[in-house]
Amino acid sequence: MATYVYETIPRRADEPPMRFEVIQSMKDAPLTRHPDTGEPVHRVISGGYGLMGLGGKSTPAPGATKGSGCGCGGACMCGRG
């Protein structure tokens, strides 16, 4: 079982989205409605810390330098810019 993050889709521009987590099987289809309120939702896709290479060692994101603190989602924006 995996934990997925979902976010409500606001109906008005001034309404903030609400995030929540759901434990689901990877085989389950993504939710389209909040289980309690019935509001429309979408699954939030988030990145991990790095990539897994051979031997199970983590590797830095492309363009990252040792000690720079860069990684996907870091200040260097994964080599963009």
PDB file of N, CA and C in Angstrom:
ATOM      1  N   MET A   1       0.842  -1.174   0.000  1.00  0.00           N
ATOM      2  CA  MET A   1       0.000   0.000   0.000  1.00  0.00           C
ATOM      3  C   MET A   1       0.891   1.243   0.000  1.00  0.00           C
ATOM      4  N   ALA A   2       0.428   2.260  -0.689  1.00  0.00           N
ATOM      5  CA  ALA A   2       1.179   3.510  -0.794  1.00  0.00           C
ATOM      6  C   ALA A   2       0.317   4.659  -0.276  1.00  0.00           C
ATOM      7  N   THR A   3       0.975   5.714   0.183  1.00  0.00           N
ATOM      8  CA  THR A   3       0.272   6.908   0.622  1.00  0.00           C
ATOM      9  C   THR A   3       0.349   7.944  -0.491  1.00  0.00           C
ATOM     10  N   TYR A   4      -0.809   8.412  -0.935  1.00  0.00           N
ATOM     11  CA  TYR A   4      -0.881   9.414  -1.999  1.00  0.00           C
ATOM     12  C   TYR A   4      -1.423  10.722  -1.445  1.00  0.00           C
ATOM     13  N   VAL A   5      -0.919  11.826  -1.989  1.00  0.00           N
ATOM     14  CA  VAL A   5      -1.395  13.153  -1.606  1.00  0.00           C
ATOM     15  C   VAL A   5      -2.371  13.630  -2.677  1.00  0.00           C
ATOM     16  N   TYR A   6      -3.510  14.115  -2.236  1.00  0.00           N
ATOM     17  CA  TYR A   6      -4.529  14.668  -3.127  1.00  0.00           C
ATOM     18  C   TYR A   6      -4.799  16.108  -2.731  1.00  0.00           C
ATOM     19  N   GLU A   7      -5.364  16.862  -3.671  1.00  0.00           N
ATOM     20  CA  GLU A   7      -5.692  18.258  -3.436  1.00  0.00           C
ATOM     21  C   GLU A   7      -7.058  18.541  -4.039  1.00  0.00           C
ATOM     22  N   THR A   8      -7.892  19.259  -3.281  1.00  0.00           N
ATOM     23  CA  THR A   8      -9.198  19.628  -3.824  1.00  0.00           C
ATOM     24  C   THR A   8      -9.014  20.660  -4.926  1.00  0.00           C
ATOM     25  N   ILE A   9      -9.953  20.684  -5.855  1.00  0.00           N
ATOM     26  CA  ILE A   9      -9.943  21.647  -6.956  1.00  0.00           C
ATOM     27  C   ILE A   9     -10.950  22.737  -6.585  1.00  0.00           C
ATOM     28  N   PRO A  10     -10.449  23.924  -6.217  1.00  0.00           N
ATOM     29  CA  PRO A  10     -11.357  24.999  -5.780  1.00  0.00           C
ATOM     30  C   PRO A  10     -12.338  25.399  -6.875  1.00  0.00           C
ATOM     31  N   ARG A  11     -13.536  25.719  -6.468  1.00  0.00           N
ATOM     32  CA  ARG A  11     -14.561  26.158  -7.419  1.00  0.00           C
ATOM     33  C   ARG A  11     -14.497  27.658  -7.652  1.00  0.00           C
ATOM     34  N   ARG A  12     -13.939  28.404  -6.671  1.00  0.00           N
ATOM     35  CA  ARG A  12     -13.805  29.855  -6.788  1.00  0.00           C
ATOM     36  C   ARG A  12     -12.331  30.221  -6.674  1.00  0.00           C
ATOM     37  N   ALA A  13     -11.942  31.334  -7.290  1.00  0.00           N
ATOM     38  CA  ALA A  13     -10.543  31.772  -7.291  1.00  0.00           C
ATOM     39  C   ALA A  13     -10.045  32.124  -5.894  1.00  0.00           C
ATOM     40  N   ASP A  14     -10.928  32.586  -5.010  1.00  0.00           N
ATOM     41  CA  ASP A  14     -10.509  32.975  -3.659  1.00  0.00           C
ATOM     42  C   ASP A  14     -10.531  31.816  -2.667  1.00  0.00           C
ATOM     43  N   GLU A  15     -10.874  30.630  -3.122  1.00  0.00           N
ATOM     44  CA  GLU A  15     -10.961  29.454  -2.267  1.00  0.00           C
ATOM     45  C   GLU A  15      -9.643  28.677  -2.337  1.00  0.00           C
ATOM     46  N   PRO A  16      -8.967  28.463  -1.205  1.00  0.00           N
ATOM     47  CA  PRO A  16      -7.706  27.717  -1.240  1.00  0.00           C
ATOM     48  C   PRO A  16      -7.953  26.218  -1.380  1.00  0.00           C
ATOM     49  N   PRO A  17      -7.051  25.500  -2.064  1.00  0.00           N
ATOM     50  CA  PRO A  17      -7.187  24.048  -2.148  1.00  0.00           C
ATOM     51  C   PRO A  17      -6.848  23.412  -0.797  1.00  0.00           C
ATOM     52  N   MET A  18      -7.419  22.248  -0.537  1.00  0.00           N
ATOM     53  CA  MET A  18      -7.152  21.509   0.688  1.00  0.00           C
ATOM     54  C   MET A  18      -6.402  20.224   0.327  1.00  0.00           C
ATOM     55  N   ARG A  19      -5.292  19.967   0.994  1.00  0.00           N
ATOM     56  CA  ARG A  19      -4.520  18.739   0.752  1.00  0.00           C
ATOM     57  C   ARG A  19      -4.834  17.692   1.806  1.00  0.00           C
ATOM     58  N   PHE A  20      -4.824  16.423   1.373  1.00  0.00           N
ATOM     59  CA  PHE A  20      -5.045  15.309   2.284  1.00  0.00           C
ATOM     60  C   PHE A  20      -4.345  14.078   1.725  1.00  0.00           C
ATOM     61  N   GLU A  21      -4.135  13.090   2.572  1.00  0.00           N
ATOM     62  CA  GLU A  21      -3.454  11.856   2.177  1.00  0.00           C
ATOM     63  C   GLU A  21      -4.427  10.685   2.229  1.00  0.00           C
ATOM     64  N   VAL A  22      -4.209   9.742   1.318  1.00  0.00           N
ATOM     65  CA  VAL A  22      -5.027   8.526   1.257  1.00  0.00           C
ATOM     66  C   VAL A  22      -4.088   7.339   1.051  1.00  0.00           C
ATOM     67  N   ILE A  23      -4.307   6.274   1.806  1.00  0.00           N
ATOM     68  CA  ILE A  23      -3.543   5.041   1.613  1.00  0.00           C
ATOM     69  C   ILE A  23      -4.302   4.193   0.609  1.00  0.00           C
ATOM     70  N   GLN A  24      -3.626   3.872  -0.518  1.00  0.00           N
ATOM     71  CA  GLN A  24      -4.243   3.099  -1.592  1.00  0.00           C
ATOM     72  C   GLN A  24      -3.252   2.081  -2.126  1.00  0.00           C
ATOM     73  N   SER A  25      -3.779   1.071  -2.772  1.00  0.00           N
ATOM     74  CA  SER A  25      -2.945   0.149  -3.518  1.00  0.00           C
ATOM     75  C   SER A  25      -2.478   0.852  -4.788  1.00  0.00           C
ATOM     76  N   MET A  26      -1.300   0.498  -5.271  1.00  0.00           N
ATOM     77  CA  MET A  26      -0.806   1.080  -6.519  1.00  0.00           C
ATOM     78  C   MET A  26      -1.688   0.690  -7.699  1.00  0.00           C
ATOM     79  N   LYS A  27      -2.465  -0.361  -7.539  1.00  0.00           N
ATOM     80  CA  LYS A  27      -3.360  -0.815  -8.607  1.00  0.00           C
ATOM     81  C   LYS A  27      -4.668  -0.021  -8.646  1.00  0.00           C
ATOM     82  N   ASP A  28      -4.982   0.690  -7.559  1.00  0.00           N
ATOM     83  CA  ASP A  28      -6.231   1.463  -7.494  1.00  0.00           C
ATOM     84  C   ASP A  28      -6.169   2.671  -8.422  1.00  0.00           C
ATOM     85  N   ALA A  29      -7.296   3.006  -9.016  1.00  0.00           N
ATOM     86  CA  ALA A  29      -7.388   4.214  -9.843  1.00  0.00           C
ATOM     87  C   ALA A  29      -7.311   5.440  -8.932  1.00  0.00           C
ATOM     88  N   PRO A  30      -6.742   6.547  -9.428  1.00  0.00           N
ATOM     89  CA  PRO A  30      -6.704   7.768  -8.625  1.00  0.00           C
ATOM     90  C   PRO A  30      -8.116   8.246  -8.276  1.00  0.00           C
ATOM     91  N   LEU A  31      -8.246   8.849  -7.102  1.00  0.00           N
ATOM     92  CA  LEU A  31      -9.538   9.398  -6.705  1.00  0.00           C
ATOM     93  C   LEU A  31      -9.893  10.589  -7.594  1.00  0.00           C
ATOM     94  N   THR A  32     -11.171  10.801  -7.809  1.00  0.00           N
ATOM     95  CA  THR A  32     -11.645  11.981  -8.529  1.00  0.00           C
ATOM     96  C   THR A  32     -12.496  12.860  -7.615  1.00  0.00           C
ATOM     97  N   ARG A  33     -12.920  12.309  -6.469  1.00  0.00           N
ATOM     98  CA  ARG A  33     -13.749  13.021  -5.499  1.00  0.00           C
ATOM     99  C   ARG A  33     -13.208  12.789  -4.092  1.00  0.00           C
ATOM    100  N   HIS A  34     -13.325  13.808  -3.227  1.00  0.00           N
ATOM    101  CA  HIS A  34     -12.920  13.683  -1.820  1.00  0.00           C
ATOM    102  C   HIS A  34     -13.821  12.628  -1.176  1.00  0.00           C
ATOM    103  N   PRO A  35     -13.242  11.681  -0.439  1.00  0.00           N
ATOM    104  CA  PRO A  35     -14.051  10.596   0.126  1.00  0.00           C
ATOM    105  C   PRO A  35     -15.118  11.061   1.128  1.00  0.00           C
ATOM    106  N   ASP A  36     -14.897  12.202   1.812  1.00  0.00           N
ATOM    107  CA  ASP A  36     -15.860  12.680   2.798  1.00  0.00           C
ATOM    108  C   ASP A  36     -16.805  13.745   2.260  1.00  0.00           C
ATOM    109  N   THR A  37     -16.286  14.678   1.472  1.00  0.00           N
ATOM    110  CA  THR A  37     -17.093  15.827   1.041  1.00  0.00           C
ATOM    111  C   THR A  37     -17.625  15.713  -0.376  1.00  0.00           C
ATOM    112  N   GLY A  38     -17.027  14.860  -1.202  1.00  0.00           N
ATOM    113  CA  GLY A  38     -17.458  14.719  -2.587  1.00  0.00           C
ATOM    114  C   GLY A  38     -16.905  15.787  -3.518  1.00  0.00           C
ATOM    115  N   GLU A  39     -16.058  16.696  -2.994  1.00  0.00           N
ATOM    116  CA  GLU A  39     -15.456  17.737  -3.836  1.00  0.00           C
ATOM    117  C   GLU A  39     -14.529  17.106  -4.872  1.00  0.00           C
ATOM    118  N   PRO A  40     -14.400  17.714  -6.055  1.00  0.00           N
ATOM    119  CA  PRO A  40     -13.460  17.192  -7.049  1.00  0.00           C
ATOM    120  C   PRO A  40     -12.014  17.346  -6.566  1.00  0.00           C
ATOM    121  N   VAL A  41     -11.187  16.330  -6.835  1.00  0.00           N
ATOM    122  CA  VAL A  41      -9.787  16.332  -6.409  1.00  0.00           C
ATOM    123  C   VAL A  41      -8.883  15.846  -7.534  1.00  0.00           C
ATOM    124  N   HIS A  42      -7.584  16.119  -7.388  1.00  0.00           N
ATOM    125  CA  HIS A  42      -6.577  15.519  -8.262  1.00  0.00           C
ATOM    126  C   HIS A  42      -5.401  15.087  -7.403  1.00  0.00           C
ATOM    127  N   ARG A  43      -4.665  14.085  -7.901  1.00  0.00           N
ATOM    128  CA  ARG A  43      -3.502  13.577  -7.182  1.00  0.00           C
ATOM    129  C   ARG A  43      -2.342  14.539  -7.383  1.00  0.00           C
ATOM    130  N   VAL A  44      -1.618  14.823  -6.315  1.00  0.00           N
ATOM    131  CA  VAL A  44      -0.458  15.704  -6.364  1.00  0.00           C
ATOM    132  C   VAL A  44       0.776  14.843  -6.631  1.00  0.00           C
ATOM    133  N   ILE A  45       1.501  15.185  -7.684  1.00  0.00           N
ATOM    134  CA  ILE A  45       2.721  14.467  -8.027  1.00  0.00           C
ATOM    135  C   ILE A  45       3.896  15.238  -7.448  1.00  0.00           C
ATOM    136  N   SER A  46       4.707  14.570  -6.647  1.00  0.00           N
ATOM    137  CA  SER A  46       5.870  15.236  -6.060  1.00  0.00           C
ATOM    138  C   SER A  46       7.119  14.429  -6.377  1.00  0.00           C
ATOM    139  N   GLY A  47       8.253  15.110  -6.413  1.00  0.00           N
ATOM    140  CA  GLY A  47       9.517  14.461  -6.732  1.00  0.00           C
ATOM    141  C   GLY A  47      10.212  13.950  -5.492  1.00  0.00           C
ATOM    142  N   GLY A  48      11.135  13.065  -5.710  1.00  0.00           N
ATOM    143  CA  GLY A  48      11.935  12.535  -4.621  1.00  0.00           C
ATOM    144  C   GLY A  48      13.224  13.305  -4.465  1.00  0.00           C
ATOM    145  N   TYR A  49      14.109  12.834  -3.612  1.00  0.00           N
ATOM    146  CA  TYR A  49      15.378  13.510  -3.342  1.00  0.00           C
ATOM    147  C   TYR A  49      16.350  13.360  -4.493  1.00  0.00           C
ATOM    148  N   GLY A  50      16.387  12.199  -5.113  1.00  0.00           N
ATOM    149  CA  GLY A  50      17.348  11.961  -6.185  1.00  0.00           C
ATOM    150  C   GLY A  50      16.958  10.734  -6.985  1.00  0.00           C
ATOM    151  N   LEU A  51      17.877  10.258  -7.781  1.00  0.00           N
ATOM    152  CA  LEU A  51      17.646   9.090  -8.611  1.00  0.00           C
ATOM    153  C   LEU A  51      18.392   7.907  -8.036  1.00  0.00           C
ATOM    154  N   MET A  52      17.859   6.725  -8.212  1.00  0.00           N
ATOM    155  CA  MET A  52      18.551   5.520  -7.752  1.00  0.00           C
ATOM    156  C   MET A  52      19.414   4.989  -8.884  1.00  0.00           C
ATOM    157  N   GLY A  53      20.677   4.774  -8.604  1.00  0.00           N
ATOM    158  CA  GLY A  53      21.588   4.225  -9.598  1.00  0.00           C
ATOM    159  C   GLY A  53      21.868   2.767  -9.300  1.00  0.00           C
ATOM    160  N   LEU A  54      22.785   2.180 -10.026  1.00  0.00           N
ATOM    161  CA  LEU A  54      23.170   0.797  -9.782  1.00  0.00           C
ATOM    162  C   LEU A  54      23.783   0.678  -8.397  1.00  0.00           C
ATOM    163  N   GLY A  55      23.514  -0.409  -7.739  1.00  0.00           N
ATOM    164  CA  GLY A  55      24.083  -0.646  -6.425  1.00  0.00           C
ATOM    165  C   GLY A  55      23.313   0.044  -5.304  1.00  0.00           C
ATOM    166  N   GLY A  56      22.219   0.706  -5.624  1.00  0.00           N
ATOM    167  CA  GLY A  56      21.390   1.312  -4.604  1.00  0.00           C
ATOM    168  C   GLY A  56      21.911   2.624  -4.058  1.00  0.00           C
ATOM    169  N   LYS A  57      22.965   3.188  -4.649  1.00  0.00           N
ATOM    170  CA  LYS A  57      23.475   4.472  -4.180  1.00  0.00           C
ATOM    171  C   LYS A  57      22.672   5.586  -4.825  1.00  0.00           C
ATOM    172  N   SER A  58      22.379   6.648  -4.062  1.00  0.00           N
ATOM    173  CA  SER A  58      21.644   7.749  -4.662  1.00  0.00           C
ATOM    174  C   SER A  58      22.603   8.630  -5.441  1.00  0.00           C
ATOM    175  N   THR A  59      22.101   9.192  -6.527  1.00  0.00           N
ATOM    176  CA  THR A  59      22.916  10.052  -7.371  1.00  0.00           C
ATOM    177  C   THR A  59      22.309  11.433  -7.393  1.00  0.00           C
ATOM    178  N   PRO A  60      23.130  12.483  -7.502  1.00  0.00           N
ATOM    179  CA  PRO A  60      22.573  13.836  -7.522  1.00  0.00           C
ATOM    180  C   PRO A  60      21.827  14.104  -8.811  1.00  0.00           C
ATOM    181  N   ALA A  61      20.988  15.109  -8.779  1.00  0.00           N
ATOM    182  CA  ALA A  61      20.246  15.514  -9.966  1.00  0.00           C
ATOM    183  C   ALA A  61      21.219  16.044 -11.012  1.00  0.00           C
ATOM    184  N   PRO A  62      20.877  15.930 -12.305  1.00  0.00           N
ATOM    185  CA  PRO A  62      21.752  16.461 -13.348  1.00  0.00           C
ATOM    186  C   PRO A  62      22.042  17.933 -13.113  1.00  0.00           C
ATOM    187  N   GLY A  63      23.285  18.329 -13.258  1.00  0.00           N
ATOM    188  CA  GLY A  63      23.675  19.717 -13.084  1.00  0.00           C
ATOM    189  C   GLY A  63      24.034  20.073 -11.653  1.00  0.00           C
ATOM    190  N   ALA A  64      23.813  19.160 -10.718  1.00  0.00           N
ATOM    191  CA  ALA A  64      24.134  19.448  -9.327  1.00  0.00           C
ATOM    192  C   ALA A  64      25.619  19.225  -9.081  1.00  0.00           C
ATOM    193  N   THR A  65      26.191  20.023  -8.226  1.00  0.00           N
ATOM    194  CA  THR A  65      27.593  19.845  -7.858  1.00  0.00           C
ATOM    195  C   THR A  65      27.665  19.428  -6.413  1.00  0.00           C
ATOM    196  N   LYS A  66      28.711  18.717  -6.044  1.00  0.00           N
ATOM    197  CA  LYS A  66      28.860  18.220  -4.693  1.00  0.00           C
ATOM    198  C   LYS A  66      28.857  19.386  -3.708  1.00  0.00           C
ATOM    199  N   GLY A  67      28.009  19.278  -2.679  1.00  0.00           N
ATOM    200  CA  GLY A  67      27.941  20.291  -1.648  1.00  0.00           C
ATOM    201  C   GLY A  67      27.131  21.518  -2.014  1.00  0.00           C
ATOM    202  N   SER A  68      26.521  21.528  -3.203  1.00  0.00           N
ATOM    203  CA  SER A  68      25.768  22.711  -3.630  1.00  0.00           C
ATOM    204  C   SER A  68      24.373  22.759  -3.039  1.00  0.00           C
ATOM    205  N   GLY A  69      23.903  21.612  -2.507  1.00  0.00           N
ATOM    206  CA  GLY A  69      22.544  21.568  -1.987  1.00  0.00           C
ATOM    207  C   GLY A  69      21.504  21.436  -3.078  1.00  0.00           C
ATOM    208  N   CYS A  70      21.949  21.296  -4.333  1.00  0.00           N
ATOM    209  CA  CYS A  70      21.006  21.173  -5.442  1.00  0.00           C
ATOM    210  C   CYS A  70      20.438  19.762  -5.513  1.00  0.00           C
ATOM    211  N   GLY A  71      19.271  19.674  -5.960  1.00  0.00           N
ATOM    212  CA  GLY A  71      18.563  18.423  -6.193  1.00  0.00           C
ATOM    213  C   GLY A  71      17.224  18.814  -6.774  1.00  0.00           C
ATOM    214  N   CYS A  72      16.462  17.882  -7.216  1.00  0.00           N
ATOM    215  CA  CYS A  72      15.158  18.231  -7.778  1.00  0.00           C
ATOM    216  C   CYS A  72      14.373  18.991  -6.729  1.00  0.00           C
ATOM    217  N   GLY A  73      13.911  20.154  -7.091  1.00  0.00           N
ATOM    218  CA  GLY A  73      13.177  21.009  -6.164  1.00  0.00           C
ATOM    219  C   GLY A  73      14.067  21.975  -5.418  1.00  0.00           C
ATOM    220  N   GLY A  74      15.390  21.891  -5.616  1.00  0.00           N
ATOM    221  CA  GLY A  74      16.298  22.783  -4.922  1.00  0.00           C
ATOM    222  C   GLY A  74      16.390  24.132  -5.615  1.00  0.00           C
ATOM    223  N   ALA A  75      17.223  24.990  -5.064  1.00  0.00           N
ATOM    224  CA  ALA A  75      17.346  26.357  -5.582  1.00  0.00           C
ATOM    225  C   ALA A  75      17.906  26.396  -6.989  1.00  0.00           C
ATOM    226  N   CYS A  76      18.643  25.369  -7.406  1.00  0.00           N
ATOM    227  CA  CYS A  76      19.221  25.399  -8.761  1.00  0.00           C
ATOM    228  C   CYS A  76      18.218  24.993  -9.832  1.00  0.00           C
ATOM    229  N   MET A  77      17.053  24.522  -9.434  1.00  0.00           N
ATOM    230  CA  MET A  77      15.971  24.137 -10.345  1.00  0.00           C
ATOM    231  C   MET A  77      16.411  23.053 -11.329  1.00  0.00           C
ATOM    232  N   CYS A  78      17.174  22.082 -10.857  1.00  0.00           N
ATOM    233  CA  CYS A  78      17.587  20.911 -11.642  1.00  0.00           C
ATOM    234  C   CYS A  78      18.312  21.285 -12.915  1.00  0.00           C
ATOM    235  N   GLY A  79      19.224  22.243 -12.824  1.00  0.00           N
ATOM    236  CA  GLY A  79      20.060  22.588 -13.977  1.00  0.00           C
ATOM    237  C   GLY A  79      19.439  23.589 -14.907  1.00  0.00           C
ATOM    238  N   ARG A  80      18.218  24.062 -14.627  1.00  0.00           N
ATOM    239  CA  ARG A  80      17.586  25.067 -15.485  1.00  0.00           C
ATOM    240  C   ARG A  80      18.029  26.450 -15.044  1.00  0.00           C
ATOM    241  N   GLY A  81      18.515  27.261 -15.966  1.00  0.00           N
ATOM    242  CA  GLY A  81      18.822  28.647 -15.636  1.00  0.00           C
ATOM    243  C   GLY A  81      20.225  28.954 -15.425  1.00  0.00           C
TER     244      GLY A  81
END
